[in-house]
């Protein structure tokens, strides 16, 4: 996780964000695929999260920080004006000693510090219906708190992110330059993508035609980005705010259900057993709509199934293209890792398609 970062360097970098006290410990933290993340313990102040931003992915990291500042300030004001009857926290950007949102080290690496949500934990796999409802509630709360923040106020820090036709274009470019080894798994993926070409533009077309409005979205609402209070077991925060940007809330809904309704988990090696759990889907949507009903339109419901199916396909497409290209984007533990991840997502898409009627009925029932 630490790559080529020495421990004493990490301590010195963490020290740039301490206001009082001494850095006691810096440990790798979380399981993100993009940034390097560490938990910093300080002698006289609260722990905080230190991250090295992957500038190959986020090419304008200052804009990422500007977005985060705009977003967190807006939500903090909303929470002051509409107090909740339960705990809800927003990770805050911590200033460096020279009052910047970030620190650049001698190698040009871009670092930032964020407040740590104390007495909280996250999960990679759903463990109960109650937890699933809380995941949905968390995403609904997140969307609700920014539903009155204009999308124009945030920069688009990841051009093309979640624009499925662009991922398909990139995939075709990669395919034109490589000759994959045709194993049964690779063949399955190639055929799967070919069969789903027409699926790619469905949400973008709805946006262009004005059926779905541009809003702000989280961009990566996987279930392990929802923090739970360790004592009440209730959701208390949505973290990992790098990808908050203008887009469609459908990308978030699809992503949340894609990651939440796969009991086998995203990293399972037994890809053929992957299924989409409609019971969990119902719980998540109930939790989500309890808060999100306030701002959703009839068209939002019409495109919900399409979003659930599309985002699973899109992520599989991205993993498969990265595997074919030589694993440049996502961190991998072995050369076939992205292929294995793609197989999981494609199998999940298949399971979603097989249960289309059930999923549509759930959406109608919980409206």
Protein backbone atom coordinates (compact mmCIF):
# COMPACT_ATOMS: atom_id res chain seq x y z
CA UNK A 1 0.00 0.00 0.00
CA UNK A 2 2.77 2.42 0.91
CA UNK A 3 4.47 1.79 -2.44
CA UNK A 4 7.78 3.62 -2.37
CA UNK A 5 6.95 5.88 0.62
CA UNK A 6 9.25 5.52 3.63
CA UNK A 7 7.69 5.58 7.10
CA UNK A 8 9.72 8.59 8.27
CA UNK A 9 8.66 10.48 5.11
CA UNK A 10 5.03 9.66 5.89
CA UNK A 11 5.43 11.01 9.41
CA UNK A 12 6.95 14.24 8.06
CA UNK A 13 4.11 14.60 5.53
CA UNK A 14 1.45 13.90 8.18
CA UNK A 15 3.11 16.49 10.41
CA UNK A 16 2.28 19.16 7.76
CA UNK A 17 -1.38 18.80 8.79
CA UNK A 18 -1.02 18.67 12.59
CA UNK A 19 -1.99 21.80 14.51
CA UNK A 20 -0.82 20.60 17.92
CA UNK A 21 0.97 17.55 19.26
CA UNK A 22 3.14 14.95 17.61
CA UNK A 23 2.46 12.28 14.99
CA UNK A 24 2.49 9.01 16.89
CA UNK A 25 1.67 6.51 14.14
CA UNK A 26 0.85 6.32 10.40
CA UNK A 27 -0.75 3.10 9.11
CA UNK A 28 -2.18 2.04 5.71
CA UNK A 29 -5.95 2.37 5.87
CA UNK A 30 -8.94 1.16 3.82
CA UNK A 31 -9.07 -0.74 0.55
CA UNK A 32 -9.36 1.91 -2.18
CA UNK A 33 -8.26 1.14 -5.74
CA UNK A 34 -7.06 4.65 -6.64
CA UNK A 35 -5.40 6.75 -3.88
CA UNK A 36 -2.90 5.76 -1.16
CA UNK A 37 -4.66 6.17 2.18
CA UNK A 38 -3.30 6.23 5.75
CA UNK A 39 -4.70 6.71 9.24
CA UNK A 40 -2.66 9.16 11.30
CA UNK A 41 -2.63 9.05 15.11
CA UNK A 42 -1.60 12.25 16.86
CA UNK A 43 -0.69 12.68 20.54
CA UNK A 44 -2.98 15.62 21.37
CA UNK A 45 -5.58 15.91 18.61
CA UNK A 46 -8.08 13.68 16.83
CA UNK A 47 -6.89 11.05 14.38
CA UNK A 48 -7.13 12.02 10.73
CA UNK A 49 -6.95 10.42 7.29
CA UNK A 50 -3.94 11.24 5.09
CA UNK A 51 -4.15 10.57 1.35
CA UNK A 52 -1.83 10.79 -1.59
CA UNK A 53 -4.04 11.67 -4.54
CA UNK A 54 -3.47 9.63 -7.67
CA UNK A 55 -2.80 12.47 -10.13
CA UNK A 56 -2.86 10.03 -13.07
CA UNK A 57 -6.58 9.70 -12.34
CA UNK A 58 -7.29 13.14 -10.85
CA UNK A 59 -5.26 15.37 -13.14
CA UNK A 60 -6.45 18.58 -11.46
CA UNK A 61 -6.25 17.72 -7.76
CA UNK A 62 -6.68 21.39 -6.71
CA UNK A 63 -10.14 21.31 -8.29
CA UNK A 64 -10.95 18.11 -6.40
CA UNK A 65 -10.15 19.96 -3.17
CA UNK A 66 -12.12 23.03 -4.23
CA UNK A 67 -15.15 20.80 -4.92
CA UNK A 68 -14.75 19.10 -1.57
CA UNK A 69 -14.59 22.43 0.25
CA UNK A 70 -17.72 23.77 -1.57
CA UNK A 71 -19.61 20.55 -0.91
CA UNK A 72 -18.71 20.15 2.78
CA UNK A 73 -19.42 23.81 3.59
CA UNK A 74 -22.84 23.59 1.92
CA UNK A 75 -23.76 20.38 3.77
CA UNK A 76 -22.53 21.73 7.12
CA UNK A 77 -24.82 24.77 6.70
CA UNK A 78 -27.76 22.55 5.72
CA UNK A 79 -27.21 20.41 8.82
CA UNK A 80 -27.10 23.50 11.06
CA UNK A 81 -30.41 24.72 9.62
CA UNK A 82 -32.16 21.33 9.58
CA UNK A 83 -30.93 19.38 12.62
CA UNK A 84 -31.44 15.62 12.37
CA UNK A 85 -32.66 13.39 15.17
CA UNK A 86 -29.63 11.14 14.68
CA UNK A 87 -25.87 11.35 14.20
CA UNK A 88 -24.72 12.42 10.73
CA UNK A 89 -21.23 13.68 9.93
CA UNK A 90 -19.39 15.05 6.93
CA UNK A 91 -15.62 14.52 6.55
CA UNK A 92 -13.91 17.92 6.67
CA UNK A 93 -10.84 19.08 4.79
CA UNK A 94 -8.01 19.84 7.23
CA UNK A 95 -5.69 22.75 6.41
CA UNK A 96 -1.93 22.33 6.19
CA UNK A 97 0.42 24.42 8.35
CA UNK A 98 0.59 27.02 5.59
CA UNK A 99 -3.24 27.18 5.43
CA UNK A 100 -3.62 25.26 2.15
CA UNK A 101 -6.13 22.48 1.34
CA UNK A 102 -3.19 20.25 0.40
CA UNK A 103 0.56 19.73 0.65
CA UNK A 104 2.95 18.93 -2.20
CA UNK A 105 6.06 16.98 -1.19
CA UNK A 106 9.59 17.14 -2.67
CA UNK A 107 8.66 14.50 -5.30
CA UNK A 108 5.66 16.52 -6.44
CA UNK A 109 3.16 14.12 -4.84
CA UNK A 110 -0.16 15.73 -3.86
CA UNK A 111 -1.30 15.08 -0.27
CA UNK A 112 -4.41 16.04 1.65
CA UNK A 113 -5.83 15.41 5.10
CA UNK A 114 -9.45 14.76 6.03
CA UNK A 115 -11.11 14.44 9.42
CA UNK A 116 -11.63 10.85 10.57
CA UNK A 117 -15.18 9.77 11.43
CA UNK A 118 -14.57 8.49 14.98
CA UNK A 119 -16.31 5.43 16.44
CA UNK A 120 -17.32 4.23 12.99
CA UNK A 121 -16.69 1.26 10.71
CA UNK A 122 -17.45 0.20 7.15
CA UNK A 123 -18.30 -3.15 5.54
CA UNK A 124 -17.45 -4.72 2.18
CA UNK A 125 -20.49 -7.01 2.22
CA UNK A 126 -24.00 -6.44 3.59
CA UNK A 127 -24.81 -8.45 6.69
CA UNK A 128 -28.51 -7.75 7.30
CA UNK A 129 -31.65 -6.14 5.92
CA UNK A 130 -31.36 -3.39 8.52
CA UNK A 131 -27.84 -2.60 7.34
CA UNK A 132 -29.05 -2.53 3.72
CA UNK A 133 -31.77 0.00 4.63
CA UNK A 134 -29.14 2.14 6.35
CA UNK A 135 -26.94 2.04 3.22
CA UNK A 136 -29.91 3.29 1.21
CA UNK A 137 -30.70 5.93 3.83
CA UNK A 138 -27.07 7.14 3.72
CA UNK A 139 -27.13 7.64 -0.06
CA UNK A 140 -30.57 9.29 0.14
CA UNK A 141 -29.33 11.62 2.88
CA UNK A 142 -26.23 12.42 0.84
CA UNK A 143 -28.29 13.30 -2.26
CA UNK A 144 -30.88 15.20 -0.23
CA UNK A 145 -28.30 17.42 1.49
CA UNK A 146 -26.89 18.53 -1.87
CA UNK A 147 -30.14 18.57 -3.86
CA UNK A 148 -30.24 22.38 -3.53
CA UNK A 149 -26.56 22.92 -4.46
CA UNK A 150 -26.29 23.92 -8.12
CA UNK A 151 -24.27 21.42 -10.24
CA UNK A 152 -22.63 24.46 -11.87
CA UNK A 153 -20.87 25.27 -8.57
CA UNK A 154 -18.70 22.15 -8.78
CA UNK A 155 -16.03 21.47 -11.38
CA UNK A 156 -16.17 18.30 -13.45
CA UNK A 157 -12.96 16.78 -12.09
CA UNK A 158 -13.27 13.50 -14.00
CA UNK A 159 -14.34 14.25 -17.56
CA UNK A 160 -16.15 11.28 -19.00
CA UNK A 161 -16.57 9.51 -15.64
CA UNK A 162 -19.65 7.24 -15.80
CA UNK A 163 -20.27 8.20 -19.45
CA UNK A 164 -20.68 4.59 -20.62
CA UNK A 165 -20.43 5.29 -24.39
CA UNK A 166 -16.94 6.77 -23.79
CA UNK A 167 -15.84 3.65 -21.91
CA UNK A 168 -17.10 1.56 -24.81
CA UNK A 169 -15.13 3.75 -27.21
CA UNK A 170 -11.98 3.30 -25.11
CA UNK A 171 -12.58 -0.46 -24.99
CA UNK A 172 -12.82 -0.60 -28.80
CA UNK A 173 -9.58 1.39 -29.11
CA UNK A 174 -7.78 -1.02 -26.76
CA UNK A 175 -9.22 -4.02 -28.59
CA UNK A 176 -7.91 -2.65 -31.89
CA UNK A 177 -4.33 -2.55 -30.56
CA UNK A 178 -4.03 -5.83 -28.61
CA UNK A 179 -4.49 -9.48 -29.39
CA UNK A 180 -5.92 -11.07 -26.25
CA UNK A 181 -5.18 -14.67 -25.38
CA UNK A 182 -8.51 -16.37 -26.07
CA UNK A 183 -9.22 -18.29 -22.86
CA UNK A 184 -12.84 -19.29 -22.07
CA UNK A 185 -13.03 -16.37 -19.60
CA UNK A 186 -11.75 -13.81 -22.13
CA UNK A 187 -14.17 -15.19 -24.75
CA UNK A 188 -17.06 -14.88 -22.31
CA UNK A 189 -16.17 -11.20 -21.69
CA UNK A 190 -15.70 -10.39 -25.39
CA UNK A 191 -19.08 -11.90 -26.26
CA UNK A 192 -20.79 -10.25 -23.29
CA UNK A 193 -19.62 -6.78 -24.30
CA UNK A 194 -20.63 -7.34 -27.92
CA UNK A 195 -24.16 -8.36 -26.86
CA UNK A 196 -24.55 -5.23 -24.73
CA UNK A 197 -23.36 -2.50 -27.10
CA UNK A 198 -26.84 -0.99 -27.40
CA UNK A 199 -27.14 -0.66 -23.61
CA UNK A 200 -24.29 1.88 -23.32
CA UNK A 201 -26.04 5.20 -24.24
CA UNK A 202 -29.35 4.69 -22.41
CA UNK A 203 -28.81 7.13 -19.50
CA UNK A 204 -26.79 9.66 -21.49
CA UNK A 205 -29.57 9.79 -24.10
CA UNK A 206 -32.11 10.41 -21.33
CA UNK A 207 -29.95 13.25 -20.00
CA UNK A 208 -29.49 14.82 -23.45
CA UNK A 209 -33.22 14.69 -24.17
CA UNK A 210 -34.00 16.35 -20.82
CA UNK A 211 -35.73 13.33 -19.29
CA UNK A 212 -33.14 13.11 -16.50
CA UNK A 213 -31.79 16.34 -14.93
CA UNK A 214 -28.15 17.10 -14.26
CA UNK A 215 -27.59 17.00 -10.49
CA UNK A 216 -24.66 16.46 -8.16
CA UNK A 217 -23.63 12.89 -7.51
CA UNK A 218 -21.18 11.11 -5.21
CA UNK A 219 -19.64 9.13 -8.06
CA UNK A 220 -18.49 6.12 -6.01
CA UNK A 221 -21.14 5.14 -3.43
CA UNK A 222 -19.88 1.59 -2.87
CA UNK A 223 -21.15 0.12 0.37
CA UNK A 224 -17.69 0.39 1.97
CA UNK A 225 -17.86 4.17 1.54
CA UNK A 226 -20.74 4.30 4.05
CA UNK A 227 -19.57 4.59 7.66
CA UNK A 228 -21.60 3.01 10.48
CA UNK A 229 -21.67 4.08 14.13
CA UNK A 230 -19.98 1.25 16.06
CA UNK A 231 -22.52 1.37 18.91
CA UNK A 232 -25.87 2.26 17.28
CA UNK A 233 -25.05 0.37 14.02
CA UNK A 234 -26.68 3.25 12.10
CA UNK A 235 -25.11 4.93 9.05
CA UNK A 236 -23.34 8.15 10.07
CA UNK A 237 -21.45 9.33 6.99
CA UNK A 238 -20.65 8.84 3.32
CA UNK A 239 -16.91 9.20 2.68
CA UNK A 240 -14.52 9.25 -0.30
CA UNK A 241 -15.68 12.51 -1.82
CA UNK A 242 -13.14 12.85 -4.67
CA UNK A 243 -15.67 11.95 -7.31
CA UNK A 244 -18.46 14.33 -6.19
CA UNK A 245 -19.31 16.19 -9.38
CA UNK A 246 -22.15 17.09 -11.76
CA UNK A 247 -23.86 13.99 -13.15
CA UNK A 248 -26.92 11.78 -12.75
CA UNK A 249 -28.09 10.43 -9.38
CA UNK A 250 -28.86 7.24 -11.35
CA UNK A 251 -25.15 6.48 -11.56
CA UNK A 252 -25.05 6.51 -7.76
CA UNK A 253 -28.21 4.45 -7.34
CA UNK A 254 -26.92 1.88 -9.84
CA UNK A 255 -23.48 1.77 -8.22
CA UNK A 256 -24.84 1.43 -4.69
CA UNK A 257 -27.12 -1.46 -5.69
CA UNK A 258 -24.44 -3.07 -7.84
CA UNK A 259 -22.02 -3.20 -4.91
CA UNK A 260 -24.63 -3.83 -2.22
CA UNK A 261 -26.70 -6.59 -3.80
CA UNK A 262 -23.79 -8.93 -4.64
CA UNK A 263 -23.43 -11.08 -1.49
CA UNK A 264 -20.34 -12.80 -2.94
CA UNK A 265 -18.49 -9.46 -3.01
CA UNK A 266 -16.57 -7.75 -5.80
CA UNK A 267 -13.36 -9.70 -5.29
CA UNK A 268 -14.79 -13.23 -5.23
CA UNK A 269 -12.90 -15.79 -7.31
CA UNK A 270 -16.03 -17.91 -7.69
CA UNK A 271 -17.50 -15.58 -10.34
CA UNK A 272 -19.95 -18.12 -11.75
CA UNK A 273 -21.90 -18.15 -8.49
CA UNK A 274 -22.43 -14.35 -8.47
CA UNK A 275 -26.07 -13.27 -8.19
CA UNK A 276 -27.98 -10.03 -7.64
CA UNK A 277 -29.92 -10.29 -4.36
CA UNK A 278 -33.36 -8.70 -4.88
CA UNK A 279 -34.19 -8.83 -1.14
CA UNK A 280 -31.22 -6.59 -0.39
CA UNK A 281 -32.21 -4.42 -3.38
CA UNK A 282 -35.64 -3.85 -1.83
CA UNK A 283 -34.15 -2.89 1.56
CA UNK A 284 -31.64 -0.44 0.03
CA UNK A 285 -34.30 1.22 -2.13
CA UNK A 286 -36.68 1.51 0.85
CA UNK A 287 -33.96 3.26 2.86
CA UNK A 288 -33.00 5.48 -0.07
CA UNK A 289 -36.51 6.55 -1.04
CA UNK A 290 -37.45 7.33 2.57
CA UNK A 291 -35.19 10.39 2.15
CA UNK A 292 -34.96 10.84 -1.64
CA UNK A 293 -38.71 10.96 -2.44
CA UNK A 294 -38.53 14.71 -1.78
CA UNK A 295 -36.58 15.47 -4.95
CA UNK A 296 -37.14 12.54 -7.36
CA UNK A 297 -39.37 12.84 -10.46
CA UNK A 298 -41.48 10.21 -12.24
CA UNK A 299 -38.78 9.85 -14.95
CA UNK A 300 -36.22 9.12 -12.22
CA UNK A 301 -38.19 5.98 -11.34
CA UNK A 302 -38.63 4.99 -14.99
CA UNK A 303 -34.83 4.82 -15.50
CA UNK A 304 -33.97 3.15 -12.19
CA UNK A 305 -33.78 -0.43 -13.49
CA UNK A 306 -31.68 0.71 -16.47
CA UNK A 307 -29.26 2.36 -14.06
CA UNK A 308 -28.86 -0.78 -11.93
CA UNK A 309 -28.10 -2.90 -15.01
CA UNK A 310 -25.94 -0.31 -16.78
CA UNK A 311 -23.53 0.44 -13.93
CA UNK A 312 -22.71 -3.23 -13.32
CA UNK A 313 -22.03 -3.61 -17.06
CA UNK A 314 -20.03 -0.37 -17.18
CA UNK A 315 -17.70 -1.39 -14.34
CA UNK A 316 -17.16 -4.81 -15.91
CA UNK A 317 -16.34 -3.06 -19.18
CA UNK A 318 -13.81 -0.80 -17.43
CA UNK A 319 -12.13 -3.71 -15.63
CA UNK A 320 -11.97 -5.76 -18.83
CA UNK A 321 -10.56 -2.89 -20.91
CA UNK A 322 -7.92 -2.25 -18.22
CA UNK A 323 -6.99 -5.94 -18.21
CA UNK A 324 -6.60 -5.93 -22.01
CA UNK A 325 -4.55 -2.71 -21.89
CA UNK A 326 -2.12 -4.09 -19.29
CA UNK A 327 -3.62 -2.96 -15.95
CA UNK A 328 -2.88 0.78 -15.97
CA UNK A 329 -5.87 2.24 -14.11
CA UNK A 330 -6.94 -0.02 -11.24
CA UNK A 331 -4.49 -1.36 -8.68
CA UNK A 332 -4.04 -5.12 -9.15
CA UNK A 333 -2.60 -7.92 -7.01
CA UNK A 334 -1.84 -10.19 -10.00
CA UNK A 335 -1.98 -9.87 -13.85
CA UNK A 336 -5.43 -11.55 -14.13
CA UNK A 337 -6.99 -9.51 -11.31
CA UNK A 338 -8.93 -7.10 -13.55
CA UNK A 339 -10.18 -9.99 -15.68
CA UNK A 340 -11.49 -11.69 -12.53
CA UNK A 341 -13.20 -8.45 -11.48
CA UNK A 342 -14.76 -8.03 -14.94
CA UNK A 343 -16.19 -11.55 -14.82
CA UNK A 344 -17.87 -10.79 -11.48
CA UNK A 345 -19.54 -7.64 -12.85
CA UNK A 346 -20.69 -9.27 -16.09
CA UNK A 347 -22.16 -12.22 -14.19
CA UNK A 348 -23.92 -9.74 -11.91
CA UNK A 349 -25.34 -7.91 -14.96
CA UNK A 350 -26.64 -11.26 -16.24
CA UNK A 351 -28.37 -11.91 -12.92
CA UNK A 352 -29.91 -8.40 -12.95
CA UNK A 353 -31.27 -9.01 -16.46
CA UNK A 354 -32.73 -12.35 -15.46
CA UNK A 355 -34.66 -10.62 -12.64
CA UNK A 356 -35.82 -7.52 -14.51
CA UNK A 357 -39.52 -8.04 -13.73
CA UNK A 358 -38.84 -8.54 -10.01
CA UNK A 359 -36.61 -5.45 -9.80
CA UNK A 360 -39.18 -3.29 -11.63
CA UNK A 361 -41.89 -4.50 -9.25
CA UNK A 362 -39.72 -3.58 -6.24
CA UNK A 363 -39.21 -0.05 -7.65
CA UNK A 364 -42.99 0.36 -8.11
CA UNK A 365 -43.77 -1.07 -4.64
CA UNK A 366 -41.38 1.15 -2.68
CA UNK A 367 -42.18 4.42 -4.53
